[in-house]
Amino acid sequence: MSLDPDRLDERLADAFGGTPEERRVVARQARDLADSGRYAETADHELTVEIVLDNLADAPEGSPAERWNWWMGALGLAFGGFERFTVREREE
């Protein structure tokens, strides 16, 4: 079962605030990570909304995107292959 990005968006708003656009991008990246199977093969379990929220809460501070990137950075350092899931500002 794929991670529900709408539910994650709502929970991100409650837990960390941020703009609707920022939360939507984080939720989409989380869904892409779940759908890729990369997290499941590393952690031996599926990615859930609760797992995302728990890990973002471990970040020192920041917006949802900053917290997400902190977590992806930590996973990338430990296991490699998570950089493609970071949130980047769109170049115009």
PDB file of N, CA and C in Angstrom:
ATOM      1  N   MET A   1       0.844  -1.187   0.000  1.00  0.00           N
ATOM      2  CA  MET A   1       0.000   0.000   0.000  1.00  0.00           C
ATOM      3  C   MET A   1       0.884   1.244   0.000  1.00  0.00           C
ATOM      4  N   SER A   2       0.567   2.159  -0.862  1.00  0.00           N
ATOM      5  CA  SER A   2       1.362   3.371  -0.995  1.00  0.00           C
ATOM      6  C   SER A   2       1.040   4.365   0.118  1.00  0.00           C
ATOM      7  N   LEU A   3       2.032   5.123   0.495  1.00  0.00           N
ATOM      8  CA  LEU A   3       1.859   6.174   1.488  1.00  0.00           C
ATOM      9  C   LEU A   3       0.845   7.194   0.958  1.00  0.00           C
ATOM     10  N   ASP A   4      -0.074   7.649   1.809  1.00  0.00           N
ATOM     11  CA  ASP A   4      -1.119   8.599   1.417  1.00  0.00           C
ATOM     12  C   ASP A   4      -0.593  10.028   1.553  1.00  0.00           C
ATOM     13  N   PRO A   5      -0.287  10.702   0.440  1.00  0.00           N
ATOM     14  CA  PRO A   5       0.286  12.047   0.531  1.00  0.00           C
ATOM     15  C   PRO A   5      -0.673  13.074   1.119  1.00  0.00           C
ATOM     16  N   ASP A   6      -1.979  12.908   0.919  1.00  0.00           N
ATOM     17  CA  ASP A   6      -2.940  13.859   1.494  1.00  0.00           C
ATOM     18  C   ASP A   6      -2.950  13.775   3.014  1.00  0.00           C
ATOM     19  N   ARG A   7      -2.921  12.568   3.522  1.00  0.00           N
ATOM     20  CA  ARG A   7      -2.877  12.389   4.981  1.00  0.00           C
ATOM     21  C   ARG A   7      -1.567  12.938   5.540  1.00  0.00           C
ATOM     22  N   LEU A   8      -0.466  12.682   4.852  1.00  0.00           N
ATOM     23  CA  LEU A   8       0.816  13.205   5.307  1.00  0.00           C
ATOM     24  C   LEU A   8       0.804  14.729   5.297  1.00  0.00           C
ATOM     25  N   ASP A   9       0.257  15.341   4.264  1.00  0.00           N
ATOM     26  CA  ASP A   9       0.167  16.801   4.187  1.00  0.00           C
ATOM     27  C   ASP A   9      -0.558  17.352   5.415  1.00  0.00           C
ATOM     28  N   GLU A  10      -1.688  16.763   5.760  1.00  0.00           N
ATOM     29  CA  GLU A  10      -2.452  17.212   6.933  1.00  0.00           C
ATOM     30  C   GLU A  10      -1.639  17.078   8.214  1.00  0.00           C
ATOM     31  N   ARG A  11      -0.987  15.956   8.368  1.00  0.00           N
ATOM     32  CA  ARG A  11      -0.203  15.717   9.586  1.00  0.00           C
ATOM     33  C   ARG A  11       1.021  16.622   9.648  1.00  0.00           C
ATOM     34  N   LEU A  12       1.645  16.901   8.503  1.00  0.00           N
ATOM     35  CA  LEU A  12       2.771  17.837   8.470  1.00  0.00           C
ATOM     36  C   LEU A  12       2.322  19.225   8.917  1.00  0.00           C
ATOM     37  N   ALA A  13       1.153  19.650   8.457  1.00  0.00           N
ATOM     38  CA  ALA A  13       0.628  20.966   8.847  1.00  0.00           C
ATOM     39  C   ALA A  13       0.459  21.043  10.354  1.00  0.00           C
ATOM     40  N   ASP A  14      -0.115  20.009  10.941  1.00  0.00           N
ATOM     41  CA  ASP A  14      -0.329  19.982  12.392  1.00  0.00           C
ATOM     42  C   ASP A  14       0.984  19.970  13.160  1.00  0.00           C
ATOM     43  N   ALA A  15       1.943  19.206  12.687  1.00  0.00           N
ATOM     44  CA  ALA A  15       3.184  19.004  13.442  1.00  0.00           C
ATOM     45  C   ALA A  15       4.238  20.083  13.200  1.00  0.00           C
ATOM     46  N   PHE A  16       4.353  20.556  11.954  1.00  0.00           N
ATOM     47  CA  PHE A  16       5.493  21.408  11.609  1.00  0.00           C
ATOM     48  C   PHE A  16       5.138  22.693  10.873  1.00  0.00           C
ATOM     49  N   GLY A  17       3.869  22.892  10.548  1.00  0.00           N
ATOM     50  CA  GLY A  17       3.490  24.104   9.826  1.00  0.00           C
ATOM     51  C   GLY A  17       3.982  24.078   8.398  1.00  0.00           C
ATOM     52  N   GLY A  18       4.524  25.199   7.948  1.00  0.00           N
ATOM     53  CA  GLY A  18       4.992  25.308   6.567  1.00  0.00           C
ATOM     54  C   GLY A  18       3.875  25.728   5.635  1.00  0.00           C
ATOM     55  N   THR A  19       4.246  26.082   4.437  1.00  0.00           N
ATOM     56  CA  THR A  19       3.246  26.499   3.450  1.00  0.00           C
ATOM     57  C   THR A  19       2.592  25.271   2.823  1.00  0.00           C
ATOM     58  N   PRO A  20       1.386  25.446   2.291  1.00  0.00           N
ATOM     59  CA  PRO A  20       0.749  24.316   1.605  1.00  0.00           C
ATOM     60  C   PRO A  20       1.609  23.767   0.464  1.00  0.00           C
ATOM     61  N   GLU A  21       2.266  24.654  -0.267  1.00  0.00           N
ATOM     62  CA  GLU A  21       3.101  24.213  -1.391  1.00  0.00           C
ATOM     63  C   GLU A  21       4.280  23.373  -0.903  1.00  0.00           C
ATOM     64  N   GLU A  22       4.910  23.834   0.164  1.00  0.00           N
ATOM     65  CA  GLU A  22       6.053  23.106   0.717  1.00  0.00           C
ATOM     66  C   GLU A  22       5.624  21.728   1.216  1.00  0.00           C
ATOM     67  N   ARG A  23       4.525  21.676   1.954  1.00  0.00           N
ATOM     68  CA  ARG A  23       4.037  20.382   2.464  1.00  0.00           C
ATOM     69  C   ARG A  23       3.674  19.443   1.325  1.00  0.00           C
ATOM     70  N   ARG A  24       3.077  19.984   0.279  1.00  0.00           N
ATOM     71  CA  ARG A  24       2.688  19.153  -0.869  1.00  0.00           C
ATOM     72  C   ARG A  24       3.924  18.530  -1.528  1.00  0.00           C
ATOM     73  N   VAL A  25       5.000  19.304  -1.652  1.00  0.00           N
ATOM     74  CA  VAL A  25       6.233  18.783  -2.252  1.00  0.00           C
ATOM     75  C   VAL A  25       6.845  17.707  -1.358  1.00  0.00           C
ATOM     76  N   VAL A  26       6.878  17.946  -0.056  1.00  0.00           N
ATOM     77  CA  VAL A  26       7.415  16.940   0.873  1.00  0.00           C
ATOM     78  C   VAL A  26       6.575  15.666   0.798  1.00  0.00           C
ATOM     79  N   ALA A  27       5.255  15.815   0.793  1.00  0.00           N
ATOM     80  CA  ALA A  27       4.375  14.640   0.721  1.00  0.00           C
ATOM     81  C   ALA A  27       4.590  13.877  -0.585  1.00  0.00           C
ATOM     82  N   ARG A  28       4.783  14.599  -1.667  1.00  0.00           N
ATOM     83  CA  ARG A  28       5.029  13.940  -2.959  1.00  0.00           C
ATOM     84  C   ARG A  28       6.364  13.198  -2.945  1.00  0.00           C
ATOM     85  N   GLN A  29       7.394  13.814  -2.375  1.00  0.00           N
ATOM     86  CA  GLN A  29       8.694  13.150  -2.283  1.00  0.00           C
ATOM     87  C   GLN A  29       8.594  11.896  -1.403  1.00  0.00           C
ATOM     88  N   ALA A  30       7.841  11.996  -0.322  1.00  0.00           N
ATOM     89  CA  ALA A  30       7.658  10.834   0.557  1.00  0.00           C
ATOM     90  C   ALA A  30       6.944   9.709  -0.186  1.00  0.00           C
ATOM     91  N   ARG A  31       5.917  10.060  -0.949  1.00  0.00           N
ATOM     92  CA  ARG A  31       5.214   9.035  -1.734  1.00  0.00           C
ATOM     93  C   ARG A  31       6.147   8.419  -2.768  1.00  0.00           C
ATOM     94  N   ASP A  32       6.951   9.258  -3.431  1.00  0.00           N
ATOM     95  CA  ASP A  32       7.908   8.734  -4.413  1.00  0.00           C
ATOM     96  C   ASP A  32       8.920   7.802  -3.753  1.00  0.00           C
ATOM     97  N   LEU A  33       9.381   8.170  -2.568  1.00  0.00           N
ATOM     98  CA  LEU A  33      10.311   7.311  -1.828  1.00  0.00           C
ATOM     99  C   LEU A  33       9.650   5.983  -1.487  1.00  0.00           C
ATOM    100  N   ALA A  34       8.417   6.034  -0.995  1.00  0.00           N
ATOM    101  CA  ALA A  34       7.698   4.799  -0.662  1.00  0.00           C
ATOM    102  C   ALA A  34       7.496   3.938  -1.905  1.00  0.00           C
ATOM    103  N   ASP A  35       7.063   4.564  -2.989  1.00  0.00           N
ATOM    104  CA  ASP A  35       6.798   3.822  -4.228  1.00  0.00           C
ATOM    105  C   ASP A  35       8.064   3.225  -4.837  1.00  0.00           C
ATOM    106  N   SER A  36       9.201   3.861  -4.607  1.00  0.00           N
ATOM    107  CA  SER A  36      10.465   3.368  -5.178  1.00  0.00           C
ATOM    108  C   SER A  36      10.933   2.071  -4.525  1.00  0.00           C
ATOM    109  N   GLY A  37      10.494   1.834  -3.288  1.00  0.00           N
ATOM    110  CA  GLY A  37      10.947   0.663  -2.546  1.00  0.00           C
ATOM    111  C   GLY A  37      12.296   0.850  -1.875  1.00  0.00           C
ATOM    112  N   ARG A  38      12.938   1.995  -2.100  1.00  0.00           N
ATOM    113  CA  ARG A  38      14.283   2.244  -1.544  1.00  0.00           C
ATOM    114  C   ARG A  38      14.273   2.242  -0.023  1.00  0.00           C
ATOM    115  N   TYR A  39      13.283   2.880   0.587  1.00  0.00           N
ATOM    116  CA  TYR A  39      13.218   2.904   2.045  1.00  0.00           C
ATOM    117  C   TYR A  39      12.952   1.496   2.584  1.00  0.00           C
ATOM    118  N   ALA A  40      12.009   0.791   1.984  1.00  0.00           N
ATOM    119  CA  ALA A  40      11.651  -0.549   2.451  1.00  0.00           C
ATOM    120  C   ALA A  40      12.829  -1.513   2.366  1.00  0.00           C
ATOM    121  N   GLU A  41      13.620  -1.421   1.314  1.00  0.00           N
ATOM    122  CA  GLU A  41      14.764  -2.336   1.194  1.00  0.00           C
ATOM    123  C   GLU A  41      15.847  -2.001   2.209  1.00  0.00           C
ATOM    124  N   THR A  42      15.921  -0.756   2.628  1.00  0.00           N
ATOM    125  CA  THR A  42      16.911  -0.336   3.623  1.00  0.00           C
ATOM    126  C   THR A  42      16.439  -0.632   5.039  1.00  0.00           C
ATOM    127  N   ALA A  43      15.165  -0.351   5.316  1.00  0.00           N
ATOM    128  CA  ALA A  43      14.640  -0.449   6.684  1.00  0.00           C
ATOM    129  C   ALA A  43      13.929  -1.769   6.972  1.00  0.00           C
ATOM    130  N   ASP A  44      13.695  -2.570   5.953  1.00  0.00           N
ATOM    131  CA  ASP A  44      12.968  -3.841   6.095  1.00  0.00           C
ATOM    132  C   ASP A  44      11.517  -3.661   6.520  1.00  0.00           C
ATOM    133  N   HIS A  45      10.947  -2.486   6.274  1.00  0.00           N
ATOM    134  CA  HIS A  45       9.511  -2.261   6.442  1.00  0.00           C
ATOM    135  C   HIS A  45       9.093  -1.083   5.570  1.00  0.00           C
ATOM    136  N   GLU A  46       7.809  -1.023   5.294  1.00  0.00           N
ATOM    137  CA  GLU A  46       7.282   0.024   4.421  1.00  0.00           C
ATOM    138  C   GLU A  46       7.335   1.388   5.097  1.00  0.00           C
ATOM    139  N   LEU A  47       7.417   2.420   4.301  1.00  0.00           N
ATOM    140  CA  LEU A  47       7.374   3.793   4.792  1.00  0.00           C
ATOM    141  C   LEU A  47       5.926   4.170   5.071  1.00  0.00           C
ATOM    142  N   THR A  48       5.675   4.720   6.244  1.00  0.00           N
ATOM    143  CA  THR A  48       4.335   5.146   6.634  1.00  0.00           C
ATOM    144  C   THR A  48       4.354   6.620   7.023  1.00  0.00           C
ATOM    145  N   VAL A  49       3.178   7.191   7.147  1.00  0.00           N
ATOM    146  CA  VAL A  49       3.057   8.578   7.606  1.00  0.00           C
ATOM    147  C   VAL A  49       3.702   8.728   8.973  1.00  0.00           C
ATOM    148  N   GLU A  50       3.452   7.788   9.870  1.00  0.00           N
ATOM    149  CA  GLU A  50       4.014   7.873  11.228  1.00  0.00           C
ATOM    150  C   GLU A  50       5.538   7.831  11.218  1.00  0.00           C
ATOM    151  N   ILE A  51       6.107   6.994  10.382  1.00  0.00           N
ATOM    152  CA  ILE A  51       7.573   6.918  10.292  1.00  0.00           C
ATOM    153  C   ILE A  51       8.135   8.242   9.793  1.00  0.00           C
ATOM    154  N   VAL A  52       7.501   8.828   8.789  1.00  0.00           N
ATOM    155  CA  VAL A  52       7.960  10.131   8.293  1.00  0.00           C
ATOM    156  C   VAL A  52       7.908  11.162   9.412  1.00  0.00           C
ATOM    157  N   LEU A  53       6.773  11.255  10.098  1.00  0.00           N
ATOM    158  CA  LEU A  53       6.620  12.260  11.155  1.00  0.00           C
ATOM    159  C   LEU A  53       7.619  12.048  12.284  1.00  0.00           C
ATOM    160  N   ASP A  54       7.819  10.811  12.692  1.00  0.00           N
ATOM    161  CA  ASP A  54       8.783  10.522  13.766  1.00  0.00           C
ATOM    162  C   ASP A  54      10.191  10.958  13.376  1.00  0.00           C
ATOM    163  N   ASN A  55      10.577  10.684  12.147  1.00  0.00           N
ATOM    164  CA  ASN A  55      11.927  11.048  11.710  1.00  0.00           C
ATOM    165  C   ASN A  55      12.079  12.547  11.505  1.00  0.00           C
ATOM    166  N   LEU A  56      11.053  13.209  11.016  1.00  0.00           N
ATOM    167  CA  LEU A  56      11.135  14.660  10.866  1.00  0.00           C
ATOM    168  C   LEU A  56      11.180  15.345  12.228  1.00  0.00           C
ATOM    169  N   ALA A  57      10.541  14.745  13.220  1.00  0.00           N
ATOM    170  CA  ALA A  57      10.587  15.306  14.578  1.00  0.00           C
ATOM    171  C   ALA A  57      11.996  15.233  15.162  1.00  0.00           C
ATOM    172  N   ASP A  58      12.811  14.305  14.680  1.00  0.00           N
ATOM    173  CA  ASP A  58      14.196  14.183  15.157  1.00  0.00           C
ATOM    174  C   ASP A  58      15.110  15.279  14.618  1.00  0.00           C
ATOM    175  N   ALA A  59      14.690  15.952  13.554  1.00  0.00           N
ATOM    176  CA  ALA A  59      15.512  17.024  12.980  1.00  0.00           C
ATOM    177  C   ALA A  59      15.655  18.147  13.998  1.00  0.00           C
ATOM    178  N   PRO A  60      16.811  18.796  14.018  1.00  0.00           N
ATOM    179  CA  PRO A  60      17.052  19.841  15.012  1.00  0.00           C
ATOM    180  C   PRO A  60      16.014  20.957  14.980  1.00  0.00           C
ATOM    181  N   GLU A  61      15.578  21.359  13.810  1.00  0.00           N
ATOM    182  CA  GLU A  61      14.586  22.431  13.665  1.00  0.00           C
ATOM    183  C   GLU A  61      14.291  22.608  12.193  1.00  0.00           C
ATOM    184  N   GLY A  62      13.383  23.528  11.889  1.00  0.00           N
ATOM    185  CA  GLY A  62      13.158  23.891  10.499  1.00  0.00           C
ATOM    186  C   GLY A  62      11.764  23.605   9.995  1.00  0.00           C
ATOM    187  N   SER A  63      11.578  24.008   8.761  1.00  0.00           N
ATOM    188  CA  SER A  63      10.315  23.814   8.058  1.00  0.00           C
ATOM    189  C   SER A  63      10.186  22.340   7.667  1.00  0.00           C
ATOM    190  N   PRO A  64       9.013  21.936   7.175  1.00  0.00           N
ATOM    191  CA  PRO A  64       8.890  20.547   6.718  1.00  0.00           C
ATOM    192  C   PRO A  64       9.941  20.153   5.678  1.00  0.00           C
ATOM    193  N   ALA A  65      10.229  21.027   4.723  1.00  0.00           N
ATOM    194  CA  ALA A  65      11.229  20.695   3.692  1.00  0.00           C
ATOM    195  C   ALA A  65      12.628  20.602   4.289  1.00  0.00           C
ATOM    196  N   GLU A  66      12.967  21.504   5.196  1.00  0.00           N
ATOM    197  CA  GLU A  66      14.286  21.452   5.832  1.00  0.00           C
ATOM    198  C   GLU A  66      14.435  20.180   6.659  1.00  0.00           C
ATOM    199  N   ARG A  67      13.389  19.824   7.365  1.00  0.00           N
ATOM    200  CA  ARG A  67      13.414  18.597   8.166  1.00  0.00           C
ATOM    201  C   ARG A  67      13.517  17.371   7.262  1.00  0.00           C
ATOM    202  N   TRP A  68      12.751  17.357   6.169  1.00  0.00           N
ATOM    203  CA  TRP A  68      12.796  16.248   5.216  1.00  0.00           C
ATOM    204  C   TRP A  68      14.207  16.092   4.644  1.00  0.00           C
ATOM    205  N   ASN A  69      14.792  17.207   4.224  1.00  0.00           N
ATOM    206  CA  ASN A  69      16.140  17.148   3.652  1.00  0.00           C
ATOM    207  C   ASN A  69      17.167  16.695   4.681  1.00  0.00           C
ATOM    208  N   TRP A  70      16.986  17.082   5.917  1.00  0.00           N
ATOM    209  CA  TRP A  70      17.875  16.617   6.989  1.00  0.00           C
ATOM    210  C   TRP A  70      17.793  15.091   7.086  1.00  0.00           C
ATOM    211  N   TRP A  71      16.583  14.551   7.073  1.00  0.00           N
ATOM    212  CA  TRP A  71      16.402  13.099   7.166  1.00  0.00           C
ATOM    213  C   TRP A  71      16.971  12.394   5.934  1.00  0.00           C
ATOM    214  N   MET A  72      16.695  12.926   4.738  1.00  0.00           N
ATOM    215  CA  MET A  72      17.236  12.312   3.524  1.00  0.00           C
ATOM    216  C   MET A  72      18.763  12.355   3.538  1.00  0.00           C
ATOM    217  N   GLY A  73      19.328  13.436   4.072  1.00  0.00           N
ATOM    218  CA  GLY A  73      20.782  13.529   4.194  1.00  0.00           C
ATOM    219  C   GLY A  73      21.339  12.470   5.124  1.00  0.00           C
ATOM    220  N   ALA A  74      20.660  12.251   6.244  1.00  0.00           N
ATOM    221  CA  ALA A  74      21.101  11.230   7.194  1.00  0.00           C
ATOM    222  C   ALA A  74      21.013   9.838   6.569  1.00  0.00           C
ATOM    223  N   LEU A  75      19.910   9.551   5.880  1.00  0.00           N
ATOM    224  CA  LEU A  75      19.776   8.257   5.206  1.00  0.00           C
ATOM    225  C   LEU A  75      20.821   8.111   4.103  1.00  0.00           C
ATOM    226  N   GLY A  76      21.073   9.195   3.388  1.00  0.00           N
ATOM    227  CA  GLY A  76      22.074   9.165   2.326  1.00  0.00           C
ATOM    228  C   GLY A  76      23.467   8.874   2.850  1.00  0.00           C
ATOM    229  N   LEU A  77      23.823   9.495   3.973  1.00  0.00           N
ATOM    230  CA  LEU A  77      25.138   9.236   4.569  1.00  0.00           C
ATOM    231  C   LEU A  77      25.259   7.800   5.053  1.00  0.00           C
ATOM    232  N   ALA A  78      24.185   7.291   5.643  1.00  0.00           N
ATOM    233  CA  ALA A  78      24.224   5.945   6.206  1.00  0.00           C
ATOM    234  C   ALA A  78      24.147   4.852   5.139  1.00  0.00           C
ATOM    235  N   PHE A  79      23.312   5.055   4.124  1.00  0.00           N
ATOM    236  CA  PHE A  79      23.026   3.973   3.181  1.00  0.00           C
ATOM    237  C   PHE A  79      23.267   4.323   1.718  1.00  0.00           C
ATOM    238  N   GLY A  80      23.334   5.605   1.389  1.00  0.00           N
ATOM    239  CA  GLY A  80      23.458   6.032   0.000  1.00  0.00           C
ATOM    240  C   GLY A  80      22.151   5.887  -0.755  1.00  0.00           C
ATOM    241  N   GLY A  81      22.012   6.667  -1.811  1.00  0.00           N
ATOM    242  CA  GLY A  81      20.870   6.515  -2.699  1.00  0.00           C
ATOM    243  C   GLY A  81      19.606   7.252  -2.311  1.00  0.00           C
ATOM    244  N   PHE A  82      19.682   8.219  -1.413  1.00  0.00           N
ATOM    245  CA  PHE A  82      18.490   8.959  -1.011  1.00  0.00           C
ATOM    246  C   PHE A  82      18.498  10.406  -1.499  1.00  0.00           C
ATOM    247  N   GLU A  83      19.584  10.843  -2.108  1.00  0.00           N
ATOM    248  CA  GLU A  83      19.712  12.233  -2.532  1.00  0.00           C
ATOM    249  C   GLU A  83      18.626  12.631  -3.523  1.00  0.00           C
ATOM    250  N   ARG A  84      18.213  11.708  -4.361  1.00  0.00           N
ATOM    251  CA  ARG A  84      17.203  12.040  -5.376  1.00  0.00           C
ATOM    252  C   ARG A  84      15.844  12.370  -4.779  1.00  0.00           C
ATOM    253  N   PHE A  85      15.655  12.080  -3.488  1.00  0.00           N
ATOM    254  CA  PHE A  85      14.381  12.360  -2.837  1.00  0.00           C
ATOM    255  C   PHE A  85      14.376  13.674  -2.062  1.00  0.00           C
ATOM    256  N   THR A  86      15.468  14.418  -2.105  1.00  0.00           N
ATOM    257  CA  THR A  86      15.504  15.697  -1.394  1.00  0.00           C
ATOM    258  C   THR A  86      14.619  16.717  -2.105  1.00  0.00           C
ATOM    259  N   VAL A  87      14.230  17.730  -1.358  1.00  0.00           N
ATOM    260  CA  VAL A  87      13.433  18.831  -1.901  1.00  0.00           C
ATOM    261  C   VAL A  87      14.401  19.916  -2.340  1.00  0.00           C
ATOM    262  N   ARG A  88      14.294  20.292  -3.591  1.00  0.00           N
ATOM    263  CA  ARG A  88      15.154  21.351  -4.129  1.00  0.00           C
ATOM    264  C   ARG A  88      14.280  22.462  -4.688  1.00  0.00           C
ATOM    265  N   GLU A  89      14.788  23.671  -4.565  1.00  0.00           N
ATOM    266  CA  GLU A  89      14.071  24.812  -5.127  1.00  0.00           C
ATOM    267  C   GLU A  89      14.111  24.725  -6.644  1.00  0.00           C
ATOM    268  N   ARG A  90      12.994  24.978  -7.236  1.00  0.00           N
ATOM    269  CA  ARG A  90      12.885  24.904  -8.692  1.00  0.00           C
ATOM    270  C   ARG A  90      13.594  26.083  -9.333  1.00  0.00           C
ATOM    271  N   GLU A  91      14.401  25.784 -10.321  1.00  0.00           N
ATOM    272  CA  GLU A  91      15.087  26.852 -11.049  1.00  0.00           C
ATOM    273  C   GLU A  91      14.159  27.406 -12.115  1.00  0.00           C
ATOM    274  N   GLU A  92      14.105  28.710 -12.199  1.00  0.00           N
ATOM    275  CA  GLU A  92      13.208  29.362 -13.171  1.00  0.00           C
ATOM    276  C   GLU A  92      13.931  29.656 -14.449  1.00  0.00           C
TER     277      GLU A  92
END
